[in-house]
Structure formats: C-alpha cells, structure tokens
C-alpha cells in the first residue's frame, strides 16, 4: 500500500483513530495487522469504538484492499481544504 506523507483526516474522530492504530502498529515489532479487539479495548470514547465497529463490519475483497485504500486517500487529499 502506498502511503501519503503527512496525511491528516479532516474529521477529528478519524484522525484520532488513525493515531491510535499507528501507535498500536508501532508496538507490534513490524507486524502489519491491526488487532481490532485490542484497539477497541484501548479506546475510551464510545463514538470512536462505534466507528471502529462499523469499519470492521465492512466487507472489502482482500485483492482490492490496497487499491481501495490508495484510491480513497487520493480523493481525500484532492478534496482537502488548503
């Protein structure tokens, strides 16, 4: 997956989730898979836990995951206010 340097979500809840996920992944010794149950347990905000649950329930074919994420990030960057 391609990373967009200095990317920030416009919506604060998503930015907070991104930071929490990155923090968890940094402590995994290079493992690139997020532990959703652990993340949910670490979140104290019910709204953030709800968002994670909604994201977790979405079904995206594994073959399309990288392309889908890159496409979504490209659109967000394009529409980001300056």
PDB file of N, CA and C in Angstrom:
ATOM      1  N   UNK A   1       0.846  -1.186   0.000  1.00  0.00           N
ATOM      2  CA  UNK A   1       0.000   0.000   0.000  1.00  0.00           C
ATOM      3  C   UNK A   1       0.881   1.235   0.000  1.00  0.00           C
ATOM      4  N   UNK A   2       0.541   2.205  -0.801  1.00  0.00           N
ATOM      5  CA  UNK A   2       1.282   3.448  -0.825  1.00  0.00           C
ATOM      6  C   UNK A   2       0.847   4.345   0.318  1.00  0.00           C
ATOM      7  N   UNK A   3       1.798   5.050   0.893  1.00  0.00           N
ATOM      8  CA  UNK A   3       1.491   5.958   1.990  1.00  0.00           C
ATOM      9  C   UNK A   3       1.583   7.384   1.486  1.00  0.00           C
ATOM     10  N   UNK A   4       0.700   8.213   1.956  1.00  0.00           N
ATOM     11  CA  UNK A   4       0.731   9.625   1.604  1.00  0.00           C
ATOM     12  C   UNK A   4       1.344  10.349   2.792  1.00  0.00           C
ATOM     13  N   UNK A   5       2.499  10.930   2.548  1.00  0.00           N
ATOM     14  CA  UNK A   5       3.243  11.581   3.617  1.00  0.00           C
ATOM     15  C   UNK A   5       2.453  12.753   4.196  1.00  0.00           C
ATOM     16  N   UNK A   6       2.481  12.874   5.521  1.00  0.00           N
ATOM     17  CA  UNK A   6       1.825  13.964   6.254  1.00  0.00           C
ATOM     18  C   UNK A   6       0.318  14.009   6.041  1.00  0.00           C
ATOM     19  N   UNK A   7      -0.296  12.845   5.784  1.00  0.00           N
ATOM     20  CA  UNK A   7      -1.739  12.799   5.594  1.00  0.00           C
ATOM     21  C   UNK A   7      -2.446  13.025   6.930  1.00  0.00           C
ATOM     22  N   UNK A   8      -3.522  13.799   6.912  1.00  0.00           N
ATOM     23  CA  UNK A   8      -4.360  14.016   8.087  1.00  0.00           C
ATOM     24  C   UNK A   8      -5.821  13.960   7.667  1.00  0.00           C
ATOM     25  N   UNK A   9      -6.630  13.275   8.465  1.00  0.00           N
ATOM     26  CA  UNK A   9      -8.061  13.251   8.209  1.00  0.00           C
ATOM     27  C   UNK A   9      -8.660  14.598   8.578  1.00  0.00           C
ATOM     28  N   UNK A  10      -9.655  15.022   7.835  1.00  0.00           N
ATOM     29  CA  UNK A  10     -10.341  16.275   8.120  1.00  0.00           C
ATOM     30  C   UNK A  10     -11.202  16.115   9.377  1.00  0.00           C
ATOM     31  N   UNK A  11     -11.861  14.976   9.508  1.00  0.00           N
ATOM     32  CA  UNK A  11     -12.733  14.734  10.656  1.00  0.00           C
ATOM     33  C   UNK A  11     -11.908  14.228  11.833  1.00  0.00           C
ATOM     34  N   UNK A  12     -12.027  14.919  12.964  1.00  0.00           N
ATOM     35  CA  UNK A  12     -11.224  14.611  14.150  1.00  0.00           C
ATOM     36  C   UNK A  12     -11.356  13.160  14.616  1.00  0.00           C
ATOM     37  N   UNK A  13     -12.553  12.558  14.657  1.00  0.00           N
ATOM     38  CA  UNK A  13     -12.629  11.167  15.116  1.00  0.00           C
ATOM     39  C   UNK A  13     -11.771  10.220  14.279  1.00  0.00           C
ATOM     40  N   UNK A  14     -11.760  10.412  12.984  1.00  0.00           N
ATOM     41  CA  UNK A  14     -10.956   9.553  12.115  1.00  0.00           C
ATOM     42  C   UNK A  14      -9.461   9.803  12.314  1.00  0.00           C
ATOM     43  N   UNK A  15      -9.087  11.043  12.567  1.00  0.00           N
ATOM     44  CA  UNK A  15      -7.687  11.356  12.850  1.00  0.00           C
ATOM     45  C   UNK A  15      -7.257  10.697  14.157  1.00  0.00           C
ATOM     46  N   UNK A  16      -8.129  10.721  15.165  1.00  0.00           N
ATOM     47  CA  UNK A  16      -7.815  10.068  16.435  1.00  0.00           C
ATOM     48  C   UNK A  16      -7.668   8.557  16.266  1.00  0.00           C
ATOM     49  N   UNK A  17      -8.548   7.955  15.475  1.00  0.00           N
ATOM     50  CA  UNK A  17      -8.450   6.514  15.215  1.00  0.00           C
ATOM     51  C   UNK A  17      -7.179   6.182  14.449  1.00  0.00           C
ATOM     52  N   UNK A  18      -6.821   7.007  13.496  1.00  0.00           N
ATOM     53  CA  UNK A  18      -5.593   6.802  12.737  1.00  0.00           C
ATOM     54  C   UNK A  18      -4.391   6.829  13.672  1.00  0.00           C
ATOM     55  N   UNK A  19      -4.358   7.787  14.570  1.00  0.00           N
ATOM     56  CA  UNK A  19      -3.238   7.893  15.510  1.00  0.00           C
ATOM     57  C   UNK A  19      -3.188   6.681  16.440  1.00  0.00           C
ATOM     58  N   UNK A  20      -4.339   6.240  16.918  1.00  0.00           N
ATOM     59  CA  UNK A  20      -4.386   5.077  17.812  1.00  0.00           C
ATOM     60  C   UNK A  20      -3.937   3.812  17.089  1.00  0.00           C
ATOM     61  N   UNK A  21      -4.352   3.661  15.847  1.00  0.00           N
ATOM     62  CA  UNK A  21      -3.960   2.486  15.066  1.00  0.00           C
ATOM     63  C   UNK A  21      -2.458   2.503  14.789  1.00  0.00           C
ATOM     64  N   UNK A  22      -1.923   3.658  14.418  1.00  0.00           N
ATOM     65  CA  UNK A  22      -0.487   3.767  14.158  1.00  0.00           C
ATOM     66  C   UNK A  22       0.316   3.474  15.417  1.00  0.00           C
ATOM     67  N   UNK A  23      -0.167   3.963  16.548  1.00  0.00           N
ATOM     68  CA  UNK A  23       0.516   3.703  17.824  1.00  0.00           C
ATOM     69  C   UNK A  23       0.549   2.208  18.118  1.00  0.00           C
ATOM     70  N   UNK A  24      -0.576   1.531  17.905  1.00  0.00           N
ATOM     71  CA  UNK A  24      -0.616   0.085  18.137  1.00  0.00           C
ATOM     72  C   UNK A  24       0.344  -0.637  17.207  1.00  0.00           C
ATOM     73  N   UNK A  25       0.349  -0.274  15.939  1.00  0.00           N
ATOM     74  CA  UNK A  25       1.203  -0.947  14.964  1.00  0.00           C
ATOM     75  C   UNK A  25       2.686  -0.720  15.244  1.00  0.00           C
ATOM     76  N   UNK A  26       3.038   0.428  15.802  1.00  0.00           N
ATOM     77  CA  UNK A  26       4.439   0.694  16.141  1.00  0.00           C
ATOM     78  C   UNK A  26       4.928  -0.258  17.228  1.00  0.00           C
ATOM     79  N   UNK A  27       4.032  -0.691  18.096  1.00  0.00           N
ATOM     80  CA  UNK A  27       4.415  -1.583  19.182  1.00  0.00           C
ATOM     81  C   UNK A  27       4.341  -3.057  18.825  1.00  0.00           C
ATOM     82  N   UNK A  28       4.157  -3.377  17.548  1.00  0.00           N
ATOM     83  CA  UNK A  28       3.981  -4.782  17.155  1.00  0.00           C
ATOM     84  C   UNK A  28       5.250  -5.411  16.604  1.00  0.00           C
ATOM     85  N   UNK A  29       6.344  -4.680  16.604  1.00  0.00           N
ATOM     86  CA  UNK A  29       7.578  -5.238  16.084  1.00  0.00           C
ATOM     87  C   UNK A  29       7.539  -5.514  14.598  1.00  0.00           C
ATOM     88  N   UNK A  30       6.870  -4.673  13.844  1.00  0.00           N
ATOM     89  CA  UNK A  30       6.836  -4.824  12.402  1.00  0.00           C
ATOM     90  C   UNK A  30       5.617  -5.564  11.862  1.00  0.00           C
ATOM     91  N   UNK A  31       4.800  -6.136  12.739  1.00  0.00           N
ATOM     92  CA  UNK A  31       3.577  -6.812  12.269  1.00  0.00           C
ATOM     93  C   UNK A  31       2.674  -5.758  11.664  1.00  0.00           C
ATOM     94  N   UNK A  32       2.104  -6.052  10.529  1.00  0.00           N
ATOM     95  CA  UNK A  32       1.326  -5.049   9.811  1.00  0.00           C
ATOM     96  C   UNK A  32      -0.170  -5.285   9.901  1.00  0.00           C
ATOM     97  N   UNK A  33      -0.600  -6.039  10.882  1.00  0.00           N
ATOM     98  CA  UNK A  33      -2.033  -6.295  11.008  1.00  0.00           C
ATOM     99  C   UNK A  33      -2.520  -5.716  12.333  1.00  0.00           C
ATOM    100  N   UNK A  34      -3.538  -4.902  12.249  1.00  0.00           N
ATOM    101  CA  UNK A  34      -4.105  -4.256  13.420  1.00  0.00           C
ATOM    102  C   UNK A  34      -4.937  -5.253  14.217  1.00  0.00           C
ATOM    103  N   UNK A  35      -4.801  -5.237  15.529  1.00  0.00           N
ATOM    104  CA  UNK A  35      -5.622  -6.062  16.410  1.00  0.00           C
ATOM    105  C   UNK A  35      -6.832  -5.217  16.809  1.00  0.00           C
ATOM    106  N   UNK A  36      -7.953  -5.433  16.128  1.00  0.00           N
ATOM    107  CA  UNK A  36      -9.141  -4.600  16.321  1.00  0.00           C
ATOM    108  C   UNK A  36      -9.676  -4.732  17.742  1.00  0.00           C
ATOM    109  N   UNK A  37      -9.681  -5.933  18.288  1.00  0.00           N
ATOM    110  CA  UNK A  37     -10.174  -6.129  19.653  1.00  0.00           C
ATOM    111  C   UNK A  37      -9.326  -5.342  20.643  1.00  0.00           C
ATOM    112  N   UNK A  38      -8.019  -5.362  20.450  1.00  0.00           N
ATOM    113  CA  UNK A  38      -7.128  -4.599  21.326  1.00  0.00           C
ATOM    114  C   UNK A  38      -7.386  -3.106  21.177  1.00  0.00           C
ATOM    115  N   UNK A  39      -7.532  -2.652  19.940  1.00  0.00           N
ATOM    116  CA  UNK A  39      -7.806  -1.240  19.689  1.00  0.00           C
ATOM    117  C   UNK A  39      -9.097  -0.821  20.376  1.00  0.00           C
ATOM    118  N   UNK A  40     -10.144  -1.633  20.225  1.00  0.00           N
ATOM    119  CA  UNK A  40     -11.435  -1.320  20.860  1.00  0.00           C
ATOM    120  C   UNK A  40     -11.273  -1.219  22.372  1.00  0.00           C
ATOM    121  N   UNK A  41     -10.463  -2.110  22.946  1.00  0.00           N
ATOM    122  CA  UNK A  41     -10.241  -2.099  24.385  1.00  0.00           C
ATOM    123  C   UNK A  41      -9.475  -0.886  24.870  1.00  0.00           C
ATOM    124  N   UNK A  42      -8.646  -0.338  24.002  1.00  0.00           N
ATOM    125  CA  UNK A  42      -7.837   0.821  24.367  1.00  0.00           C
ATOM    126  C   UNK A  42      -8.584   2.142  24.203  1.00  0.00           C
ATOM    127  N   UNK A  43      -9.643   2.145  23.409  1.00  0.00           N
ATOM    128  CA  UNK A  43     -10.392   3.380  23.171  1.00  0.00           C
ATOM    129  C   UNK A  43     -11.344   3.657  24.331  1.00  0.00           C
ATOM    130  N   UNK A  44     -11.316   4.877  24.825  1.00  0.00           N
ATOM    131  CA  UNK A  44     -12.209   5.255  25.923  1.00  0.00           C
ATOM    132  C   UNK A  44     -13.459   5.977  25.428  1.00  0.00           C
ATOM    133  N   UNK A  45     -13.432   6.462  24.210  1.00  0.00           N
ATOM    134  CA  UNK A  45     -14.555   7.202  23.645  1.00  0.00           C
ATOM    135  C   UNK A  45     -15.512   6.235  22.935  1.00  0.00           C
ATOM    136  N   UNK A  46     -16.758   6.222  23.367  1.00  0.00           N
ATOM    137  CA  UNK A  46     -17.756   5.309  22.796  1.00  0.00           C
ATOM    138  C   UNK A  46     -17.983   5.580  21.306  1.00  0.00           C
ATOM    139  N   UNK A  47     -17.935   6.842  20.905  1.00  0.00           N
ATOM    140  CA  UNK A  47     -18.132   7.189  19.486  1.00  0.00           C
ATOM    141  C   UNK A  47     -17.025   6.559  18.635  1.00  0.00           C
ATOM    142  N   UNK A  48     -15.795   6.605  19.127  1.00  0.00           N
ATOM    143  CA  UNK A  48     -14.682   6.019  18.383  1.00  0.00           C
ATOM    144  C   UNK A  48     -14.817   4.502  18.304  1.00  0.00           C
ATOM    145  N   UNK A  49     -15.260   3.873  19.389  1.00  0.00           N
ATOM    146  CA  UNK A  49     -15.474   2.422  19.361  1.00  0.00           C
ATOM    147  C   UNK A  49     -16.570   2.063  18.359  1.00  0.00           C
ATOM    148  N   UNK A  50     -17.609   2.874  18.275  1.00  0.00           N
ATOM    149  CA  UNK A  50     -18.688   2.645  17.318  1.00  0.00           C
ATOM    150  C   UNK A  50     -18.159   2.734  15.885  1.00  0.00           C
ATOM    151  N   UNK A  51     -17.327   3.730  15.617  1.00  0.00           N
ATOM    152  CA  UNK A  51     -16.762   3.885  14.277  1.00  0.00           C
ATOM    153  C   UNK A  51     -15.905   2.672  13.926  1.00  0.00           C
ATOM    154  N   UNK A  52     -15.084   2.219  14.854  1.00  0.00           N
ATOM    155  CA  UNK A  52     -14.241   1.045  14.601  1.00  0.00           C
ATOM    156  C   UNK A  52     -15.119  -0.168  14.304  1.00  0.00           C
ATOM    157  N   UNK A  53     -16.182  -0.347  15.063  1.00  0.00           N
ATOM    158  CA  UNK A  53     -17.102  -1.460  14.832  1.00  0.00           C
ATOM    159  C   UNK A  53     -17.737  -1.394  13.454  1.00  0.00           C
ATOM    160  N   UNK A  54     -18.111  -0.200  13.032  1.00  0.00           N
ATOM    161  CA  UNK A  54     -18.712  -0.038  11.703  1.00  0.00           C
ATOM    162  C   UNK A  54     -17.701  -0.343  10.607  1.00  0.00           C
ATOM    163  N   UNK A  55     -16.471   0.110  10.791  1.00  0.00           N
ATOM    164  CA  UNK A  55     -15.428  -0.163   9.802  1.00  0.00           C
ATOM    165  C   UNK A  55     -15.140  -1.653   9.749  1.00  0.00           C
ATOM    166  N   UNK A  56     -15.065  -2.288  10.890  1.00  0.00           N
ATOM    167  CA  UNK A  56     -14.758  -3.718  10.972  1.00  0.00           C
ATOM    168  C   UNK A  56     -15.816  -4.562  10.262  1.00  0.00           C
ATOM    169  N   UNK A  57     -17.056  -4.109  10.258  1.00  0.00           N
ATOM    170  CA  UNK A  57     -18.136  -4.879   9.644  1.00  0.00           C
ATOM    171  C   UNK A  57     -18.194  -4.745   8.128  1.00  0.00           C
ATOM    172  N   UNK A  58     -17.476  -3.782   7.574  1.00  0.00           N
ATOM    173  CA  UNK A  58     -17.474  -3.605   6.119  1.00  0.00           C
ATOM    174  C   UNK A  58     -16.724  -4.756   5.470  1.00  0.00           C
ATOM    175  N   UNK A  59     -17.231  -5.186   4.332  1.00  0.00           N
ATOM    176  CA  UNK A  59     -16.604  -6.290   3.598  1.00  0.00           C
ATOM    177  C   UNK A  59     -15.963  -5.727   2.328  1.00  0.00           C
ATOM    178  N   UNK A  60     -14.646  -5.874   2.249  1.00  0.00           N
ATOM    179  CA  UNK A  60     -13.895  -5.447   1.064  1.00  0.00           C
ATOM    180  C   UNK A  60     -13.058  -6.645   0.629  1.00  0.00           C
ATOM    181  N   UNK A  61     -13.188  -7.072  -0.606  1.00  0.00           N
ATOM    182  CA  UNK A  61     -12.389  -8.209  -1.070  1.00  0.00           C
ATOM    183  C   UNK A  61     -10.899  -7.947  -0.846  1.00  0.00           C
ATOM    184  N   UNK A  62     -10.197  -8.925  -0.297  1.00  0.00           N
ATOM    185  CA  UNK A  62      -8.782  -8.748   0.041  1.00  0.00           C
ATOM    186  C   UNK A  62      -7.959  -8.264  -1.154  1.00  0.00           C
ATOM    187  N   UNK A  63      -8.265  -8.763  -2.326  1.00  0.00           N
ATOM    188  CA  UNK A  63      -7.497  -8.384  -3.516  1.00  0.00           C
ATOM    189  C   UNK A  63      -7.624  -6.897  -3.832  1.00  0.00           C
ATOM    190  N   UNK A  64      -8.695  -6.270  -3.383  1.00  0.00           N
ATOM    191  CA  UNK A  64      -8.932  -4.867  -3.708  1.00  0.00           C
ATOM    192  C   UNK A  64      -8.572  -3.914  -2.572  1.00  0.00           C
ATOM    193  N   UNK A  65      -8.126  -4.439  -1.455  1.00  0.00           N
ATOM    194  CA  UNK A  65      -7.896  -3.595  -0.274  1.00  0.00           C
ATOM    195  C   UNK A  65      -6.873  -2.491  -0.555  1.00  0.00           C
ATOM    196  N   UNK A  66      -5.684  -2.840  -1.018  1.00  0.00           N
ATOM    197  CA  UNK A  66      -4.647  -1.833  -1.233  1.00  0.00           C
ATOM    198  C   UNK A  66      -5.092  -0.767  -2.230  1.00  0.00           C
ATOM    199  N   UNK A  67      -5.668  -1.199  -3.337  1.00  0.00           N
ATOM    200  CA  UNK A  67      -6.115  -0.247  -4.351  1.00  0.00           C
ATOM    201  C   UNK A  67      -7.233   0.641  -3.811  1.00  0.00           C
ATOM    202  N   UNK A  68      -8.150   0.051  -3.063  1.00  0.00           N
ATOM    203  CA  UNK A  68      -9.267   0.806  -2.496  1.00  0.00           C
ATOM    204  C   UNK A  68      -8.771   1.880  -1.538  1.00  0.00           C
ATOM    205  N   UNK A  69      -7.863   1.516  -0.656  1.00  0.00           N
ATOM    206  CA  UNK A  69      -7.330   2.482   0.309  1.00  0.00           C
ATOM    207  C   UNK A  69      -6.586   3.591  -0.409  1.00  0.00           C
ATOM    208  N   UNK A  70      -5.729   3.240  -1.351  1.00  0.00           N
ATOM    209  CA  UNK A  70      -4.997   4.267  -2.091  1.00  0.00           C
ATOM    210  C   UNK A  70      -5.938   5.211  -2.830  1.00  0.00           C
ATOM    211  N   UNK A  71      -6.973   4.669  -3.446  1.00  0.00           N
ATOM    212  CA  UNK A  71      -7.946   5.496  -4.159  1.00  0.00           C
ATOM    213  C   UNK A  71      -8.675   6.437  -3.204  1.00  0.00           C
ATOM    214  N   UNK A  72      -9.084   5.918  -2.059  1.00  0.00           N
ATOM    215  CA  UNK A  72      -9.789   6.749  -1.075  1.00  0.00           C
ATOM    216  C   UNK A  72      -8.899   7.871  -0.552  1.00  0.00           C
ATOM    217  N   UNK A  73      -7.655   7.548  -0.245  1.00  0.00           N
ATOM    218  CA  UNK A  73      -6.730   8.574   0.239  1.00  0.00           C
ATOM    219  C   UNK A  73      -6.469   9.633  -0.820  1.00  0.00           C
ATOM    220  N   UNK A  74      -6.354   9.219  -2.067  1.00  0.00           N
ATOM    221  CA  UNK A  74      -6.135  10.180  -3.152  1.00  0.00           C
ATOM    222  C   UNK A  74      -7.309  11.152  -3.264  1.00  0.00           C
ATOM    223  N   UNK A  75      -8.517  10.644  -3.134  1.00  0.00           N
ATOM    224  CA  UNK A  75      -9.702  11.513  -3.195  1.00  0.00           C
ATOM    225  C   UNK A  75      -9.723  12.465  -2.007  1.00  0.00           C
ATOM    226  N   UNK A  76      -9.413  11.954  -0.813  1.00  0.00           N
ATOM    227  CA  UNK A  76      -9.403  12.810   0.368  1.00  0.00           C
ATOM    228  C   UNK A  76      -8.367  13.919   0.249  1.00  0.00           C
ATOM    229  N   UNK A  77      -7.191  13.586  -0.241  1.00  0.00           N
ATOM    230  CA  UNK A  77      -6.145  14.593  -0.412  1.00  0.00           C
ATOM    231  C   UNK A  77      -6.568  15.622  -1.440  1.00  0.00           C
ATOM    232  N   UNK A  78      -7.190  15.177  -2.521  1.00  0.00           N
ATOM    233  CA  UNK A  78      -7.651  16.076  -3.579  1.00  0.00           C
ATOM    234  C   UNK A  78      -8.690  17.061  -3.044  1.00  0.00           C
ATOM    235  N   UNK A  79      -9.537  16.593  -2.154  1.00  0.00           N
ATOM    236  CA  UNK A  79     -10.630  17.429  -1.644  1.00  0.00           C
ATOM    237  C   UNK A  79     -10.291  18.166  -0.351  1.00  0.00           C
ATOM    238  N   UNK A  80      -9.084  17.913   0.166  1.00  0.00           N
ATOM    239  CA  UNK A  80      -8.672  18.533   1.423  1.00  0.00           C
ATOM    240  C   UNK A  80      -8.631  20.047   1.261  1.00  0.00           C
ATOM    241  N   UNK A  81      -9.197  20.763   2.226  1.00  0.00           N
ATOM    242  CA  UNK A  81      -9.120  22.216   2.149  1.00  0.00           C
ATOM    243  C   UNK A  81      -7.682  22.681   2.390  1.00  0.00           C
ATOM    244  N   UNK A  82      -7.299  23.706   1.677  1.00  0.00           N
ATOM    245  CA  UNK A  82      -5.914  24.219   1.814  1.00  0.00           C
ATOM    246  C   UNK A  82      -5.743  25.077   3.016  1.00  0.00           C
TER     247      UNK A  82
END
